[in-house]
Structures are given as structure tokens and as C-alpha cells.
Amino acid sequence: KNTNKEPYKGLFGDFLIDEYGNLFIEYAEFKITEEGCKVISSKII
């Protein structure tokens, strides 16, 4: 919320769940360019 500076930060895709019931999701830092979303870095968190 209220982050208008690049790189933007967001969560992408579906939630993931392991066999123990722990939830994970893909976190990424990205920029918006004329070509679309350009991901700078991402990880499952």
C-alpha cells in the first residue's frame, strides 16, 4: 500500500502449499516499461 516508487513490490501468481500446510507465494520487485512488466528480482517466500 502507498508505494509509488520503482521498483514496485508485489506478489505474483497462485499461492503454493507444501506437504506440511505452509503457504508460499512469489514475491517480486519490478518496473513497468513500455514493453510491460520487467521483473528485477523474484523469490518464493
PDB file of all heavy atoms in Angstrom:
ATOM      1  N   LYS A   1       0.835  -1.197   0.000  1.00  0.00           N
ATOM      2  CA  LYS A   1       0.000   0.000   0.000  1.00  0.00           C
ATOM      3  C   LYS A   1       0.877   1.257   0.000  1.00  0.00           C
ATOM      4  O   LYS A   1       1.899   1.311   0.673  1.00  0.00           O
ATOM      5  CB  LYS A   1      -0.880  -0.015   1.251  1.00  0.00           C
ATOM      6  CG  LYS A   1      -2.093   0.854   1.175  1.00  0.00           C
ATOM      7  CD  LYS A   1      -2.979   0.590   2.372  1.00  0.00           C
ATOM      8  CE  LYS A   1      -4.342   1.171   2.133  1.00  0.00           C
ATOM      9  NZ  LYS A   1      -5.259   0.837   3.203  1.00  0.00           N
ATOM     10  N   ASN A   2       0.452   2.262  -0.774  1.00  0.00           N
ATOM     11  CA  ASN A   2       1.115   3.569  -0.809  1.00  0.00           C
ATOM     12  C   ASN A   2       2.592   3.507  -1.180  1.00  0.00           C
ATOM     13  O   ASN A   2       3.409   4.204  -0.606  1.00  0.00           O
ATOM     14  CB  ASN A   2       0.954   4.303   0.531  1.00  0.00           C
ATOM     15  CG  ASN A   2      -0.493   4.557   0.868  1.00  0.00           C
ATOM     16  OD1 ASN A   2      -1.306   4.804  -0.028  1.00  0.00           O
ATOM     17  ND2 ASN A   2      -0.828   4.481   2.137  1.00  0.00           N
ATOM     18  N   THR A   3       2.942   2.658  -2.115  1.00  0.00           N
ATOM     19  CA  THR A   3       4.321   2.634  -2.614  1.00  0.00           C
ATOM     20  C   THR A   3       4.291   2.990  -4.091  1.00  0.00           C
ATOM     21  O   THR A   3       3.949   2.167  -4.925  1.00  0.00           O
ATOM     22  CB  THR A   3       4.983   1.258  -2.406  1.00  0.00           C
ATOM     23  OG1 THR A   3       4.157   0.268  -3.008  1.00  0.00           O
ATOM     24  CG2 THR A   3       5.183   0.950  -0.941  1.00  0.00           C
ATOM     25  N   ASN A   4       4.613   4.226  -4.392  1.00  0.00           N
ATOM     26  CA  ASN A   4       4.589   4.694  -5.777  1.00  0.00           C
ATOM     27  C   ASN A   4       5.985   4.849  -6.354  1.00  0.00           C
ATOM     28  O   ASN A   4       6.175   5.493  -7.360  1.00  0.00           O
ATOM     29  CB  ASN A   4       3.830   6.024  -5.860  1.00  0.00           C
ATOM     30  CG  ASN A   4       2.373   5.838  -5.502  1.00  0.00           C
ATOM     31  OD1 ASN A   4       1.788   4.823  -5.837  1.00  0.00           O
ATOM     32  ND2 ASN A   4       1.799   6.798  -4.804  1.00  0.00           N
ATOM     33  N   LYS A   5       6.994   4.295  -5.701  1.00  0.00           N
ATOM     34  CA  LYS A   5       8.363   4.392  -6.184  1.00  0.00           C
ATOM     35  C   LYS A   5       8.777   3.075  -6.825  1.00  0.00           C
ATOM     36  O   LYS A   5       8.413   2.003  -6.356  1.00  0.00           O
ATOM     37  CB  LYS A   5       9.317   4.681  -5.029  1.00  0.00           C
ATOM     38  CG  LYS A   5       9.150   6.038  -4.394  1.00  0.00           C
ATOM     39  CD  LYS A   5      10.270   6.233  -3.385  1.00  0.00           C
ATOM     40  CE  LYS A   5       9.748   6.884  -2.133  1.00  0.00           C
ATOM     41  NZ  LYS A   5      10.743   6.937  -1.094  1.00  0.00           N
ATOM     42  N   GLU A   6       9.561   3.189  -7.898  1.00  0.00           N
ATOM     43  CA  GLU A   6      10.135   1.987  -8.501  1.00  0.00           C
ATOM     44  C   GLU A   6      11.385   1.611  -7.740  1.00  0.00           C
ATOM     45  O   GLU A   6      12.081   2.489  -7.248  1.00  0.00           O
ATOM     46  CB  GLU A   6      10.443   2.230  -9.975  1.00  0.00           C
ATOM     47  CG  GLU A   6       9.200   2.288 -10.825  1.00  0.00           C
ATOM     48  CD  GLU A   6       9.529   2.326 -12.307  1.00  0.00           C
ATOM     49  OE1 GLU A   6      10.693   2.548 -12.673  1.00  0.00           O
ATOM     50  OE2 GLU A   6       8.606   2.120 -13.092  1.00  0.00           O
ATOM     51  N   PRO A   7      11.749   0.366  -7.610  1.00  0.00           N
ATOM     52  CA  PRO A   7      10.977  -0.748  -8.124  1.00  0.00           C
ATOM     53  C   PRO A   7       9.747  -1.016  -7.251  1.00  0.00           C
ATOM     54  O   PRO A   7       9.790  -0.895  -6.037  1.00  0.00           O
ATOM     55  CB  PRO A   7      11.937  -1.928  -8.065  1.00  0.00           C
ATOM     56  CG  PRO A   7      12.872  -1.591  -6.948  1.00  0.00           C
ATOM     57  CD  PRO A   7      12.982  -0.080  -6.948  1.00  0.00           C
ATOM     58  N   TYR A   8       8.654  -1.366  -7.928  1.00  0.00           N
ATOM     59  CA  TYR A   8       7.440  -1.742  -7.223  1.00  0.00           C
ATOM     60  C   TYR A   8       7.636  -3.130  -6.620  1.00  0.00           C
ATOM     61  O   TYR A   8       8.483  -3.899  -7.061  1.00  0.00           O
ATOM     62  CB  TYR A   8       6.245  -1.766  -8.185  1.00  0.00           C
ATOM     63  CG  TYR A   8       5.995  -0.436  -8.845  1.00  0.00           C
ATOM     64  CD1 TYR A   8       6.209  -0.274 -10.213  1.00  0.00           C
ATOM     65  CD2 TYR A   8       5.550   0.656  -8.116  1.00  0.00           C
ATOM     66  CE1 TYR A   8       5.975   0.949 -10.828  1.00  0.00           C
ATOM     67  CE2 TYR A   8       5.314   1.879  -8.718  1.00  0.00           C
ATOM     68  CZ  TYR A   8       5.535   2.027 -10.082  1.00  0.00           C
ATOM     69  OH  TYR A   8       5.309   3.235 -10.672  1.00  0.00           O
ATOM     70  N   LYS A   9       6.837  -3.437  -5.617  1.00  0.00           N
ATOM     71  CA  LYS A   9       6.916  -4.738  -4.956  1.00  0.00           C
ATOM     72  C   LYS A   9       5.538  -5.372  -4.947  1.00  0.00           C
ATOM     73  O   LYS A   9       4.555  -4.709  -4.643  1.00  0.00           O
ATOM     74  CB  LYS A   9       7.436  -4.568  -3.529  1.00  0.00           C
ATOM     75  CG  LYS A   9       8.857  -4.034  -3.491  1.00  0.00           C
ATOM     76  CD  LYS A   9       9.199  -3.440  -2.154  1.00  0.00           C
ATOM     77  CE  LYS A   9      10.585  -2.883  -2.114  1.00  0.00           C
ATOM     78  NZ  LYS A   9      10.824  -1.746  -2.958  1.00  0.00           N
ATOM     79  N   GLY A  10       5.474  -6.650  -5.321  1.00  0.00           N
ATOM     80  CA  GLY A  10       4.181  -7.311  -5.367  1.00  0.00           C
ATOM     81  C   GLY A  10       4.290  -8.815  -5.258  1.00  0.00           C
ATOM     82  O   GLY A  10       5.381  -9.385  -5.274  1.00  0.00           O
ATOM     83  N   LEU A  11       3.124  -9.434  -5.129  1.00  0.00           N
ATOM     84  CA  LEU A  11       3.023 -10.890  -5.051  1.00  0.00           C
ATOM     85  C   LEU A  11       2.336 -11.387  -6.316  1.00  0.00           C
ATOM     86  O   LEU A  11       1.262 -10.905  -6.670  1.00  0.00           O
ATOM     87  CB  LEU A  11       2.237 -11.292  -3.806  1.00  0.00           C
ATOM     88  CG  LEU A  11       2.769 -10.728  -2.484  1.00  0.00           C
ATOM     89  CD1 LEU A  11       1.870 -11.148  -1.327  1.00  0.00           C
ATOM     90  CD2 LEU A  11       4.201 -11.159  -2.237  1.00  0.00           C
ATOM     91  N   PHE A  12       2.962 -12.329  -6.987  1.00  0.00           N
ATOM     92  CA  PHE A  12       2.505 -12.808  -8.287  1.00  0.00           C
ATOM     93  C   PHE A  12       2.039 -14.255  -8.223  1.00  0.00           C
ATOM     94  O   PHE A  12       2.596 -15.065  -7.492  1.00  0.00           O
ATOM     95  CB  PHE A  12       3.646 -12.720  -9.310  1.00  0.00           C
ATOM     96  CG  PHE A  12       3.958 -11.327  -9.762  1.00  0.00           C
ATOM     97  CD1 PHE A  12       4.746 -10.490  -8.991  1.00  0.00           C
ATOM     98  CD2 PHE A  12       3.467 -10.845 -10.959  1.00  0.00           C
ATOM     99  CE1 PHE A  12       5.046  -9.209  -9.401  1.00  0.00           C
ATOM    100  CE2 PHE A  12       3.758  -9.566 -11.384  1.00  0.00           C
ATOM    101  CZ  PHE A  12       4.549  -8.740 -10.598  1.00  0.00           C
ATOM    102  N   GLY A  13       1.046 -14.575  -9.038  1.00  0.00           N
ATOM    103  CA  GLY A  13       0.622 -15.954  -9.227  1.00  0.00           C
ATOM    104  C   GLY A  13      -0.202 -16.500  -8.073  1.00  0.00           C
ATOM    105  O   GLY A  13      -0.710 -15.773  -7.227  1.00  0.00           O
ATOM    106  N   ASP A  14      -0.320 -17.826  -8.079  1.00  0.00           N
ATOM    107  CA  ASP A  14      -1.122 -18.540  -7.089  1.00  0.00           C
ATOM    108  C   ASP A  14      -0.317 -18.806  -5.822  1.00  0.00           C
ATOM    109  O   ASP A  14       0.908 -18.846  -5.847  1.00  0.00           O
ATOM    110  CB  ASP A  14      -1.580 -19.890  -7.655  1.00  0.00           C
ATOM    111  CG  ASP A  14      -2.534 -19.741  -8.818  1.00  0.00           C
ATOM    112  OD1 ASP A  14      -3.286 -18.747  -8.846  1.00  0.00           O
ATOM    113  OD2 ASP A  14      -2.525 -20.615  -9.700  1.00  0.00           O
ATOM    114  N   PHE A  15      -1.050 -19.028  -4.735  1.00  0.00           N
ATOM    115  CA  PHE A  15      -0.408 -19.480  -3.509  1.00  0.00           C
ATOM    116  C   PHE A  15       0.075 -20.903  -3.725  1.00  0.00           C
ATOM    117  O   PHE A  15      -0.508 -21.672  -4.476  1.00  0.00           O
ATOM    118  CB  PHE A  15      -1.399 -19.470  -2.336  1.00  0.00           C
ATOM    119  CG  PHE A  15      -1.754 -18.094  -1.864  1.00  0.00           C
ATOM    120  CD1 PHE A  15      -2.897 -17.477  -2.327  1.00  0.00           C
ATOM    121  CD2 PHE A  15      -0.949 -17.427  -0.962  1.00  0.00           C
ATOM    122  CE1 PHE A  15      -3.239 -16.209  -1.905  1.00  0.00           C
ATOM    123  CE2 PHE A  15      -1.279 -16.158  -0.530  1.00  0.00           C
ATOM    124  CZ  PHE A  15      -2.427 -15.548  -1.003  1.00  0.00           C
ATOM    125  N   LEU A  16       1.156 -21.244  -3.043  1.00  0.00           N
ATOM    126  CA  LEU A  16       1.689 -22.600  -3.061  1.00  0.00           C
ATOM    127  C   LEU A  16       1.596 -23.144  -1.646  1.00  0.00           C
ATOM    128  O   LEU A  16       1.707 -22.400  -0.677  1.00  0.00           O
ATOM    129  CB  LEU A  16       3.148 -22.593  -3.521  1.00  0.00           C
ATOM    130  CG  LEU A  16       3.411 -21.933  -4.871  1.00  0.00           C
ATOM    131  CD1 LEU A  16       4.902 -21.752  -5.087  1.00  0.00           C
ATOM    132  CD2 LEU A  16       2.800 -22.765  -5.974  1.00  0.00           C
ATOM    133  N   ILE A  17       1.399 -24.444  -1.547  1.00  0.00           N
ATOM    134  CA  ILE A  17       1.321 -25.073  -0.228  1.00  0.00           C
ATOM    135  C   ILE A  17       2.197 -26.319  -0.234  1.00  0.00           C
ATOM    136  O   ILE A  17       2.201 -27.075  -1.203  1.00  0.00           O
ATOM    137  CB  ILE A  17      -0.145 -25.399   0.142  1.00  0.00           C
ATOM    138  CG1 ILE A  17      -0.250 -25.887   1.569  1.00  0.00           C
ATOM    139  CG2 ILE A  17      -0.771 -26.365  -0.838  1.00  0.00           C
ATOM    140  CD1 ILE A  17      -1.672 -25.952   2.090  1.00  0.00           C
ATOM    141  N   ASP A  18       2.988 -26.483   0.825  1.00  0.00           N
ATOM    142  CA  ASP A  18       3.811 -27.693   0.895  1.00  0.00           C
ATOM    143  C   ASP A  18       3.069 -28.780   1.671  1.00  0.00           C
ATOM    144  O   ASP A  18       1.937 -28.575   2.116  1.00  0.00           O
ATOM    145  CB  ASP A  18       5.205 -27.405   1.480  1.00  0.00           C
ATOM    146  CG  ASP A  18       5.207 -27.044   2.952  1.00  0.00           C
ATOM    147  OD1 ASP A  18       4.153 -27.128   3.609  1.00  0.00           O
ATOM    148  OD2 ASP A  18       6.283 -26.675   3.457  1.00  0.00           O
ATOM    149  N   GLU A  19       3.709 -29.919   1.830  1.00  0.00           N
ATOM    150  CA  GLU A  19       3.021 -31.052   2.447  1.00  0.00           C
ATOM    151  C   GLU A  19       2.753 -30.860   3.930  1.00  0.00           C
ATOM    152  O   GLU A  19       2.039 -31.644   4.546  1.00  0.00           O
ATOM    153  CB  GLU A  19       3.797 -32.362   2.218  1.00  0.00           C
ATOM    154  CG  GLU A  19       5.124 -32.411   2.930  1.00  0.00           C
ATOM    155  CD  GLU A  19       6.295 -31.977   2.059  1.00  0.00           C
ATOM    156  OE1 GLU A  19       6.144 -31.073   1.231  1.00  0.00           O
ATOM    157  OE2 GLU A  19       7.373 -32.538   2.219  1.00  0.00           O
ATOM    158  N   TYR A  20       3.288 -29.796   4.532  1.00  0.00           N
ATOM    159  CA  TYR A  20       3.063 -29.527   5.946  1.00  0.00           C
ATOM    160  C   TYR A  20       2.012 -28.442   6.162  1.00  0.00           C
ATOM    161  O   TYR A  20       1.753 -28.046   7.288  1.00  0.00           O
ATOM    162  CB  TYR A  20       4.369 -29.129   6.627  1.00  0.00           C
ATOM    163  CG  TYR A  20       5.467 -30.106   6.320  1.00  0.00           C
ATOM    164  CD1 TYR A  20       6.557 -29.738   5.555  1.00  0.00           C
ATOM    165  CD2 TYR A  20       5.381 -31.421   6.759  1.00  0.00           C
ATOM    166  CE1 TYR A  20       7.547 -30.651   5.244  1.00  0.00           C
ATOM    167  CE2 TYR A  20       6.367 -32.340   6.454  1.00  0.00           C
ATOM    168  CZ  TYR A  20       7.445 -31.945   5.692  1.00  0.00           C
ATOM    169  OH  TYR A  20       8.412 -32.852   5.378  1.00  0.00           O
ATOM    170  N   GLY A  21       1.445 -27.928   5.084  1.00  0.00           N
ATOM    171  CA  GLY A  21       0.431 -26.892   5.188  1.00  0.00           C
ATOM    172  C   GLY A  21       0.976 -25.478   5.209  1.00  0.00           C
ATOM    173  O   GLY A  21       0.220 -24.531   5.424  1.00  0.00           O
ATOM    174  N   ASN A  22       2.276 -25.297   4.982  1.00  0.00           N
ATOM    175  CA  ASN A  22       2.859 -23.962   4.924  1.00  0.00           C
ATOM    176  C   ASN A  22       2.519 -23.321   3.582  1.00  0.00           C
ATOM    177  O   ASN A  22       2.654 -23.952   2.537  1.00  0.00           O
ATOM    178  CB  ASN A  22       4.383 -24.023   5.079  1.00  0.00           C
ATOM    179  CG  ASN A  22       4.801 -24.598   6.405  1.00  0.00           C
ATOM    180  OD1 ASN A  22       4.361 -24.141   7.455  1.00  0.00           O
ATOM    181  ND2 ASN A  22       5.644 -25.616   6.372  1.00  0.00           N
ATOM    182  N   LEU A  23       2.095 -22.063   3.616  1.00  0.00           N
ATOM    183  CA  LEU A  23       1.772 -21.333   2.389  1.00  0.00           C
ATOM    184  C   LEU A  23       2.968 -20.522   1.929  1.00  0.00           C
ATOM    185  O   LEU A  23       3.691 -19.935   2.733  1.00  0.00           O
ATOM    186  CB  LEU A  23       0.602 -20.372   2.624  1.00  0.00           C
ATOM    187  CG  LEU A  23      -0.785 -20.967   2.633  1.00  0.00           C
ATOM    188  CD1 LEU A  23      -1.817 -19.886   2.949  1.00  0.00           C
ATOM    189  CD2 LEU A  23      -1.113 -21.624   1.322  1.00  0.00           C
ATOM    190  N   PHE A  24       3.133 -20.443   0.615  1.00  0.00           N
ATOM    191  CA  PHE A  24       4.191 -19.658  -0.013  1.00  0.00           C
ATOM    192  C   PHE A  24       3.583 -18.890  -1.177  1.00  0.00           C
ATOM    193  O   PHE A  24       2.517 -19.254  -1.685  1.00  0.00           O
ATOM    194  CB  PHE A  24       5.302 -20.579  -0.547  1.00  0.00           C
ATOM    195  CG  PHE A  24       6.027 -21.339   0.523  1.00  0.00           C
ATOM    196  CD1 PHE A  24       5.512 -22.515   1.035  1.00  0.00           C
ATOM    197  CD2 PHE A  24       7.228 -20.862   1.025  1.00  0.00           C
ATOM    198  CE1 PHE A  24       6.170 -23.213   2.023  1.00  0.00           C
ATOM    199  CE2 PHE A  24       7.900 -21.564   2.016  1.00  0.00           C
ATOM    200  CZ  PHE A  24       7.373 -22.741   2.513  1.00  0.00           C
ATOM    201  N   ILE A  25       4.265 -17.819  -1.600  1.00  0.00           N
ATOM    202  CA  ILE A  25       3.843 -17.066  -2.778  1.00  0.00           C
ATOM    203  C   ILE A  25       5.083 -16.427  -3.394  1.00  0.00           C
ATOM    204  O   ILE A  25       6.102 -16.256  -2.715  1.00  0.00           O
ATOM    205  CB  ILE A  25       2.757 -16.019  -2.432  1.00  0.00           C
ATOM    206  CG1 ILE A  25       2.086 -15.521  -3.700  1.00  0.00           C
ATOM    207  CG2 ILE A  25       3.335 -14.887  -1.592  1.00  0.00           C
ATOM    208  CD1 ILE A  25       0.744 -14.857  -3.473  1.00  0.00           C
ATOM    209  N   GLU A  26       5.009 -16.085  -4.676  1.00  0.00           N
ATOM    210  CA  GLU A  26       6.144 -15.469  -5.335  1.00  0.00           C
ATOM    211  C   GLU A  26       6.136 -13.961  -5.112  1.00  0.00           C
ATOM    212  O   GLU A  26       5.198 -13.264  -5.479  1.00  0.00           O
ATOM    213  CB  GLU A  26       6.141 -15.760  -6.834  1.00  0.00           C
ATOM    214  CG  GLU A  26       7.361 -15.206  -7.524  1.00  0.00           C
ATOM    215  CD  GLU A  26       7.501 -15.626  -8.965  1.00  0.00           C
ATOM    216  OE1 GLU A  26       6.689 -16.437  -9.435  1.00  0.00           O
ATOM    217  OE2 GLU A  26       8.431 -15.132  -9.616  1.00  0.00           O
ATOM    218  N   TYR A  27       7.201 -13.466  -4.483  1.00  0.00           N
ATOM    219  CA  TYR A  27       7.411 -12.036  -4.252  1.00  0.00           C
ATOM    220  C   TYR A  27       8.355 -11.532  -5.332  1.00  0.00           C
ATOM    221  O   TYR A  27       9.334 -12.204  -5.663  1.00  0.00           O
ATOM    222  CB  TYR A  27       8.039 -11.831  -2.869  1.00  0.00           C
ATOM    223  CG  TYR A  27       8.666 -10.470  -2.694  1.00  0.00           C
ATOM    224  CD1 TYR A  27       7.881  -9.372  -2.385  1.00  0.00           C
ATOM    225  CD2 TYR A  27      10.028 -10.291  -2.848  1.00  0.00           C
ATOM    226  CE1 TYR A  27       8.448  -8.119  -2.227  1.00  0.00           C
ATOM    227  CE2 TYR A  27      10.603  -9.044  -2.691  1.00  0.00           C
ATOM    228  CZ  TYR A  27       9.816  -7.958  -2.386  1.00  0.00           C
ATOM    229  OH  TYR A  27      10.372  -6.723  -2.238  1.00  0.00           O
ATOM    230  N   ALA A  28       8.048 -10.364  -5.913  1.00  0.00           N
ATOM    231  CA  ALA A  28       8.922  -9.815  -6.948  1.00  0.00           C
ATOM    232  C   ALA A  28       9.016  -8.298  -6.833  1.00  0.00           C
ATOM    233  O   ALA A  28       8.067  -7.629  -6.431  1.00  0.00           O
ATOM    234  CB  ALA A  28       8.415 -10.196  -8.338  1.00  0.00           C
ATOM    235  N   GLU A  29      10.190  -7.779  -7.194  1.00  0.00           N
ATOM    236  CA  GLU A  29      10.387  -6.355  -7.394  1.00  0.00           C
ATOM    237  C   GLU A  29      10.403  -6.156  -8.897  1.00  0.00           C
ATOM    238  O   GLU A  29      11.047  -6.925  -9.625  1.00  0.00           O
ATOM    239  CB  GLU A  29      11.688  -5.900  -6.752  1.00  0.00           C
ATOM    240  CG  GLU A  29      11.646  -6.016  -5.244  1.00  0.00           C
ATOM    241  CD  GLU A  29      12.898  -5.486  -4.570  1.00  0.00           C
ATOM    242  OE1 GLU A  29      13.814  -4.983  -5.265  1.00  0.00           O
ATOM    243  OE2 GLU A  29      12.959  -5.573  -3.342  1.00  0.00           O
ATOM    244  N   PHE A  30       9.692  -5.122  -9.369  1.00  0.00           N
ATOM    245  CA  PHE A  30       9.540  -4.963 -10.812  1.00  0.00           C
ATOM    246  C   PHE A  30       9.388  -3.500 -11.196  1.00  0.00           C
ATOM    247  O   PHE A  30       9.130  -2.634 -10.359  1.00  0.00           O
ATOM    248  CB  PHE A  30       8.328  -5.764 -11.301  1.00  0.00           C
ATOM    249  CG  PHE A  30       7.014  -5.328 -10.694  1.00  0.00           C
ATOM    250  CD1 PHE A  30       6.166  -4.459 -11.380  1.00  0.00           C
ATOM    251  CD2 PHE A  30       6.618  -5.784  -9.445  1.00  0.00           C
ATOM    252  CE1 PHE A  30       4.967  -4.051 -10.830  1.00  0.00           C
ATOM    253  CE2 PHE A  30       5.413  -5.387  -8.889  1.00  0.00           C
ATOM    254  CZ  PHE A  30       4.578  -4.515  -9.581  1.00  0.00           C
ATOM    255  N   LYS A  31       9.574  -3.239 -12.495  1.00  0.00           N
ATOM    256  CA  LYS A  31       9.342  -1.931 -13.088  1.00  0.00           C
ATOM    257  C   LYS A  31       8.306  -2.091 -14.182  1.00  0.00           C
ATOM    258  O   LYS A  31       8.172  -3.165 -14.766  1.00  0.00           O
ATOM    259  CB  LYS A  31      10.628  -1.379 -13.703  1.00  0.00           C
ATOM    260  CG  LYS A  31      11.680  -1.002 -12.706  1.00  0.00           C
ATOM    261  CD  LYS A  31      12.879  -0.392 -13.399  1.00  0.00           C
ATOM    262  CE  LYS A  31      13.910   0.040 -12.376  1.00  0.00           C
ATOM    263  NZ  LYS A  31      15.018   0.756 -12.999  1.00  0.00           N
ATOM    264  N   ILE A  32       7.596  -1.012 -14.464  1.00  0.00           N
ATOM    265  CA  ILE A  32       6.667  -1.003 -15.584  1.00  0.00           C
ATOM    266  C   ILE A  32       7.339  -0.239 -16.721  1.00  0.00           C
ATOM    267  O   ILE A  32       7.720   0.921 -16.554  1.00  0.00           O
ATOM    268  CB  ILE A  32       5.328  -0.338 -15.201  1.00  0.00           C
ATOM    269  CG1 ILE A  32       4.691  -1.043 -14.000  1.00  0.00           C
ATOM    270  CG2 ILE A  32       4.387  -0.309 -16.403  1.00  0.00           C
ATOM    271  CD1 ILE A  32       4.296  -2.481 -14.247  1.00  0.00           C
ATOM    272  N   THR A  33       7.507  -0.895 -17.862  1.00  0.00           N
ATOM    273  CA  THR A  33       8.129  -0.275 -19.033  1.00  0.00           C
ATOM    274  C   THR A  33       7.120  -0.252 -20.174  1.00  0.00           C
ATOM    275  O   THR A  33       6.003  -0.753 -20.031  1.00  0.00           O
ATOM    276  CB  THR A  33       9.375  -1.077 -19.470  1.00  0.00           C
ATOM    277  OG1 THR A  33       8.952  -2.375 -19.927  1.00  0.00           O
ATOM    278  CG2 THR A  33      10.374  -1.241 -18.327  1.00  0.00           C
ATOM    279  N   GLU A  34       7.507   0.307 -21.284  1.00  0.00           N
ATOM    280  CA  GLU A  34       6.628   0.322 -22.458  1.00  0.00           C
ATOM    281  C   GLU A  34       6.301  -1.089 -22.926  1.00  0.00           C
ATOM    282  O   GLU A  34       5.244  -1.329 -23.500  1.00  0.00           O
ATOM    283  CB  GLU A  34       7.272   1.124 -23.587  1.00  0.00           C
ATOM    284  CG  GLU A  34       7.323   2.608 -23.309  1.00  0.00           C
ATOM    285  CD  GLU A  34       7.980   3.381 -24.429  1.00  0.00           C
ATOM    286  OE1 GLU A  34       8.222   2.793 -25.499  1.00  0.00           O
ATOM    287  OE2 GLU A  34       8.239   4.579 -24.221  1.00  0.00           O
ATOM    288  N   GLU A  35       7.221  -2.018 -22.695  1.00  0.00           N
ATOM    289  CA  GLU A  35       7.006  -3.413 -23.096  1.00  0.00           C
ATOM    290  C   GLU A  35       6.184  -4.184 -22.073  1.00  0.00           C
ATOM    291  O   GLU A  35       5.796  -5.320 -22.301  1.00  0.00           O
ATOM    292  CB  GLU A  35       8.347  -4.126 -23.310  1.00  0.00           C
ATOM    293  CG  GLU A  35       9.145  -3.626 -24.485  1.00  0.00           C
ATOM    294  CD  GLU A  35       9.954  -2.382 -24.143  1.00  0.00           C
ATOM    295  OE1 GLU A  35      10.430  -2.254 -22.999  1.00  0.00           O
ATOM    296  OE2 GLU A  35      10.103  -1.534 -25.028  1.00  0.00           O
ATOM    297  N   GLY A  36       5.957  -3.609 -20.911  1.00  0.00           N
ATOM    298  CA  GLY A  36       5.188  -4.296 -19.868  1.00  0.00           C
ATOM    299  C   GLY A  36       5.965  -4.403 -18.576  1.00  0.00           C
ATOM    300  O   GLY A  36       6.815  -3.573 -18.269  1.00  0.00           O
ATOM    301  N   CYS A  37       5.694  -5.453 -17.836  1.00  0.00           N
ATOM    302  CA  CYS A  37       6.301  -5.670 -16.521  1.00  0.00           C
ATOM    303  C   CYS A  37       7.705  -6.246 -16.694  1.00  0.00           C
ATOM    304  O   CYS A  37       7.886  -7.281 -17.332  1.00  0.00           O
ATOM    305  CB  CYS A  37       5.425  -6.631 -15.718  1.00  0.00           C
ATOM    306  SG  CYS A  37       6.053  -7.026 -14.096  1.00  0.00           S
ATOM    307  N   LYS A  38       8.694  -5.573 -16.113  1.00  0.00           N
ATOM    308  CA  LYS A  38      10.063  -6.084 -16.143  1.00  0.00           C
ATOM    309  C   LYS A  38      10.473  -6.434 -14.712  1.00  0.00           C
ATOM    310  O   LYS A  38      10.622  -5.560 -13.867  1.00  0.00           O
ATOM    311  CB  LYS A  38      11.023  -5.053 -16.718  1.00  0.00           C
ATOM    312  CG  LYS A  38      12.426  -5.558 -16.771  1.00  0.00           C
ATOM    313  CD  LYS A  38      13.382  -4.570 -17.354  1.00  0.00           C
ATOM    314  CE  LYS A  38      14.751  -5.222 -17.292  1.00  0.00           C
ATOM    315  NZ  LYS A  38      15.807  -4.381 -17.687  1.00  0.00           N
ATOM    316  N   VAL A  39      10.626  -7.715 -14.433  1.00  0.00           N
ATOM    317  CA  VAL A  39      10.969  -8.190 -13.090  1.00  0.00           C
ATOM    318  C   VAL A  39      12.462  -8.018 -12.857  1.00  0.00           C
ATOM    319  O   VAL A  39      13.285  -8.450 -13.652  1.00  0.00           O
ATOM    320  CB  VAL A  39      10.547  -9.659 -12.899  1.00  0.00           C
ATOM    321  CG1 VAL A  39      11.054 -10.202 -11.581  1.00  0.00           C
ATOM    322  CG2 VAL A  39       9.042  -9.777 -12.974  1.00  0.00           C
ATOM    323  N   ILE A  40      12.792  -7.372 -11.747  1.00  0.00           N
ATOM    324  CA  ILE A  40      14.181  -7.155 -11.358  1.00  0.00           C
ATOM    325  C   ILE A  40      14.677  -8.347 -10.549  1.00  0.00           C
ATOM    326  O   ILE A  40      15.768  -8.846 -10.764  1.00  0.00           O
ATOM    327  CB  ILE A  40      14.311  -5.850 -10.540  1.00  0.00           C
ATOM    328  CG1 ILE A  40      13.877  -4.673 -11.411  1.00  0.00           C
ATOM    329  CG2 ILE A  40      15.718  -5.668 -10.008  1.00  0.00           C
ATOM    330  CD1 ILE A  40      13.597  -3.412 -10.652  1.00  0.00           C
ATOM    331  N   SER A  41      13.854  -8.787  -9.599  1.00  0.00           N
ATOM    332  CA  SER A  41      14.199  -9.969  -8.800  1.00  0.00           C
ATOM    333  C   SER A  41      12.915 -10.608  -8.295  1.00  0.00           C
ATOM    334  O   SER A  41      11.897  -9.935  -8.147  1.00  0.00           O
ATOM    335  CB  SER A  41      15.096  -9.590  -7.618  1.00  0.00           C
ATOM    336  OG  SER A  41      14.383  -8.787  -6.696  1.00  0.00           O
ATOM    337  N   SER A  42      12.976 -11.898  -8.055  1.00  0.00           N
ATOM    338  CA  SER A  42      11.811 -12.602  -7.512  1.00  0.00           C
ATOM    339  C   SER A  42      12.277 -13.790  -6.680  1.00  0.00           C
ATOM    340  O   SER A  42      13.374 -14.303  -6.885  1.00  0.00           O
ATOM    341  CB  SER A  42      10.872 -13.073  -8.625  1.00  0.00           C
ATOM    342  OG  SER A  42      11.426 -14.160  -9.316  1.00  0.00           O
ATOM    343  N   LYS A  43      11.425 -14.174  -5.739  1.00  0.00           N
ATOM    344  CA  LYS A  43      11.713 -15.357  -4.923  1.00  0.00           C
ATOM    345  C   LYS A  43      10.412 -15.863  -4.329  1.00  0.00           C
ATOM    346  O   LYS A  43       9.435 -15.129  -4.199  1.00  0.00           O
ATOM    347  CB  LYS A  43      12.727 -15.054  -3.820  1.00  0.00           C
ATOM    348  CG  LYS A  43      12.255 -14.040  -2.794  1.00  0.00           C
ATOM    349  CD  LYS A  43      13.338 -13.788  -1.762  1.00  0.00           C
ATOM    350  CE  LYS A  43      12.913 -12.724  -0.769  1.00  0.00           C
ATOM    351  NZ  LYS A  43      13.912 -12.475   0.247  1.00  0.00           N
ATOM    352  N   ILE A  44      10.421 -17.130  -3.992  1.00  0.00           N
ATOM    353  CA  ILE A  44       9.294 -17.730  -3.297  1.00  0.00           C
ATOM    354  C   ILE A  44       9.493 -17.455  -1.813  1.00  0.00           C
ATOM    355  O   ILE A  44      10.560 -17.716  -1.265  1.00  0.00           O
ATOM    356  CB  ILE A  44       9.216 -19.254  -3.562  1.00  0.00           C
ATOM    357  CG1 ILE A  44       9.116 -19.542  -5.055  1.00  0.00           C
ATOM    358  CG2 ILE A  44       8.063 -19.872  -2.784  1.00  0.00           C
ATOM    359  CD1 ILE A  44       7.872 -19.024  -5.716  1.00  0.00           C
ATOM    360  N   ILE A  45       8.461 -16.892  -1.172  1.00  0.00           N
ATOM    361  CA  ILE A  45       8.582 -16.504   0.228  1.00  0.00           C
ATOM    362  C   ILE A  45       7.389 -17.054   1.009  1.00  0.00           C
ATOM    363  O   ILE A  45       6.298 -17.194   0.463  1.00  0.00           O
ATOM    364  CB  ILE A  45       8.724 -14.975   0.362  1.00  0.00           C
ATOM    365  CG1 ILE A  45       9.123 -14.576   1.779  1.00  0.00           C
ATOM    366  CG2 ILE A  45       7.484 -14.274  -0.077  1.00  0.00           C
ATOM    367  CD1 ILE A  45       9.649 -13.152   1.884  1.00  0.00           C
TER     368      ILE A  45
END
